[in-house]
Structures are given as C-alpha cells and as structure tokens.
Amino acid sequence: MILQSQISKLSNRLFKEEGGRRIPENVLERDYCIAWFLVGLSRTALRDCIAFKGGTALKRCHFSDYRFSEDLDFTLLQPLSFEQVKQQLEAVYDEIKKASNITLEKYWMMSNSNFIKKKQD
C-alpha cells in the first residue's frame, strides 16, 4: 500500500519535473491502483484472452505523456462465459490484496448489457 505521504512527495516531485504542472494526488493514487490491477491481471490466464485498449492502454503502452485515464477497457479475444471471467478476476483481486494490501472494490459487467453492478459482499 502506498502511504499518503509518498503520494504527496511524488506529486511534489512531478510538479517540479513537469515545469509547474501539478497532477492531483487522487489521480496518482488511482493510477497506482490501476498499475497493480494490470500486474495482477498479467499473472492470470485471462491475459491471453483479452485485448487491453482505450486511453489507459495508450498511456501505459504507447505514450507516456498521454493524459491520465481512470478506466480500463478490454475486449475478449475468445469466447468466455461471464462466470469464467469473474473467476479469473477474483484471482486478480486476491493477488493484488496479497502483494500490495490494496483492496479494490469489485464491479461486475453484467453479461450482454451496458451497465456495471457493484459486487455485494
């Protein structure tokens, strides 16, 4: 887990290095969590079944100076059931918790729909 003081130090350092451009601390914290999610995802079989796309993919994979993005966009490359994807994502969440002590809120995309449902524990 990253401490608030570390986020503040990083924000201040980036402010100096970027010539007065301040990145809000909440954006840095979210970006840190996104990085952990992508690491966890890369350690599962799901990594071979999805394509990473969108603004976050552009920033992470192609253009380091691209805007910070808040969401993760993926496309399935092969047919998987909702339950198969959900099971793999549970493994990702467990890996992240174990490695970083970060607990992410779980949201599940409902099969064949356009909304996201927050997981009820």
Protein backbone atom coordinates (compact mmCIF):
# COMPACT_ATOMS: atom_id res chain seq x y z
CA MET A 1 0.00 0.00 0.00
CA ILE A 2 1.28 3.43 -0.83
CA LEU A 3 1.20 5.94 2.01
CA GLN A 4 -0.40 9.35 1.61
CA SER A 5 2.96 10.97 2.40
CA GLN A 6 4.53 9.06 -0.51
CA ILE A 7 1.80 10.22 -2.87
CA SER A 8 2.37 13.82 -1.73
CA LYS A 9 6.13 13.53 -2.29
CA LEU A 10 5.56 12.08 -5.75
CA SER A 11 3.08 14.83 -6.61
CA ASN A 12 5.56 17.50 -5.50
CA ARG A 13 8.43 15.89 -7.42
CA LEU A 14 6.36 15.61 -10.59
CA PHE A 15 5.28 19.25 -10.16
CA LYS A 16 8.95 20.32 -10.23
CA GLU A 17 9.88 17.99 -13.09
CA GLU A 18 6.87 18.92 -15.22
CA GLY A 19 7.53 22.65 -15.02
CA GLY A 20 4.62 23.62 -12.81
CA ARG A 21 2.07 21.07 -13.99
CA ARG A 22 0.50 19.52 -10.91
CA ILE A 23 -1.03 16.06 -11.04
CA PRO A 24 -3.70 15.77 -8.34
CA GLU A 25 -2.86 13.27 -5.62
CA ASN A 26 -6.10 11.35 -6.10
CA VAL A 27 -5.16 10.83 -9.77
CA LEU A 28 -1.76 9.48 -8.75
CA GLU A 29 -3.34 7.13 -6.22
CA ARG A 30 -5.84 5.84 -8.78
CA ASP A 31 -3.02 5.36 -11.30
CA TYR A 32 -1.07 3.38 -8.68
CA CYS A 33 -4.06 1.07 -8.16
CA ILE A 34 -4.54 0.67 -11.90
CA ALA A 35 -0.89 -0.39 -12.17
CA TRP A 36 -1.42 -3.04 -9.50
CA PHE A 37 -4.54 -4.29 -11.26
CA LEU A 38 -2.66 -4.66 -14.54
CA VAL A 39 0.19 -6.51 -12.80
CA GLY A 40 -2.31 -8.86 -11.15
CA LEU A 41 -4.11 -9.39 -14.45
CA SER A 42 -0.86 -10.21 -16.21
CA ARG A 43 -0.34 -13.09 -13.76
CA THR A 44 -3.54 -14.90 -14.74
CA ALA A 45 -4.59 -16.91 -17.78
CA LEU A 46 -7.04 -14.13 -18.59
CA ARG A 47 -4.13 -12.10 -20.01
CA ASP A 48 -4.16 -14.33 -23.11
CA CYS A 49 -7.91 -13.95 -23.62
CA ILE A 50 -8.31 -10.17 -23.63
CA ALA A 51 -7.04 -7.13 -25.50
CA PHE A 52 -6.21 -4.02 -23.49
CA LYS A 53 -7.47 -0.90 -25.26
CA GLY A 54 -8.55 2.69 -24.68
CA GLY A 55 -6.96 5.71 -23.05
CA THR A 56 -5.22 3.82 -20.25
CA ALA A 57 -3.69 1.41 -22.77
CA LEU A 58 -2.42 4.36 -24.81
CA LYS A 59 -0.80 5.91 -21.74
CA ARG A 60 0.65 2.68 -20.35
CA CYS A 61 1.83 1.08 -23.58
CA HIS A 62 2.44 3.78 -26.16
CA PHE A 63 2.55 7.41 -24.99
CA SER A 64 3.91 8.08 -21.50
CA ASP A 65 2.90 11.73 -21.71
CA TYR A 66 -0.69 10.91 -22.70
CA ARG A 67 -3.42 12.06 -20.30
CA PHE A 68 -4.15 10.06 -17.17
CA SER A 69 -7.13 7.80 -17.67
CA GLU A 70 -9.46 6.49 -14.99
CA ASP A 71 -10.89 3.38 -16.56
CA LEU A 72 -9.68 0.12 -18.04
CA ASP A 73 -11.08 -1.09 -21.34
CA PHE A 74 -10.75 -4.66 -22.57
CA THR A 75 -12.16 -6.78 -25.36
CA LEU A 76 -12.49 -10.56 -25.14
CA LEU A 77 -10.43 -12.28 -27.83
CA GLN A 78 -12.09 -15.64 -27.36
CA PRO A 79 -15.44 -16.74 -26.05
CA LEU A 80 -15.53 -16.91 -22.26
CA SER A 81 -18.54 -17.08 -20.03
CA PHE A 82 -19.29 -14.33 -17.57
CA GLU A 83 -18.51 -16.79 -14.76
CA GLN A 84 -15.11 -17.68 -16.26
CA VAL A 85 -14.12 -14.02 -16.48
CA LYS A 86 -15.44 -13.35 -12.98
CA GLN A 87 -13.45 -16.29 -11.56
CA GLN A 88 -10.23 -15.03 -13.17
CA LEU A 89 -10.87 -11.51 -11.86
CA GLU A 90 -11.35 -12.87 -8.34
CA ALA A 91 -7.83 -14.31 -8.64
CA VAL A 92 -6.58 -10.89 -9.74
CA TYR A 93 -8.19 -9.18 -6.73
CA ASP A 94 -6.71 -11.80 -4.39
CA GLU A 95 -3.23 -11.37 -5.91
CA ILE A 96 -3.39 -7.60 -5.53
CA LYS A 97 -4.51 -7.84 -1.90
CA LYS A 98 -1.74 -10.31 -1.09
CA ALA A 99 1.05 -8.40 -2.86
CA SER A 100 0.12 -4.80 -2.01
CA ASN A 101 -2.53 -4.83 0.72
CA ILE A 102 -4.83 -2.92 -1.64
CA THR A 103 -8.49 -3.89 -1.52
CA LEU A 104 -10.26 -2.91 -4.71
CA GLU A 105 -14.00 -2.53 -4.94
CA LYS A 106 -15.39 -5.20 -7.21
CA TYR A 107 -17.70 -4.32 -10.05
CA TRP A 108 -19.03 -6.89 -12.47
CA MET A 109 -20.12 -6.16 -16.00
CA MET A 110 -23.35 -7.98 -16.46
CA SER A 111 -23.39 -10.33 -19.42
CA ASN A 112 -24.64 -8.73 -22.65
CA SER A 113 -25.61 -5.44 -21.07
CA ASN A 114 -24.37 -1.89 -20.83
CA PHE A 115 -24.18 -1.40 -17.11
CA ILE A 116 -21.85 -2.30 -14.30
CA LYS A 117 -23.02 -3.67 -10.99
CA LYS A 118 -21.10 -3.23 -7.76
CA LYS A 119 -20.42 -6.58 -6.14
CA GLN A 120 -22.29 -7.03 -2.89
CA ASP A 121 -20.11 -8.87 -0.35
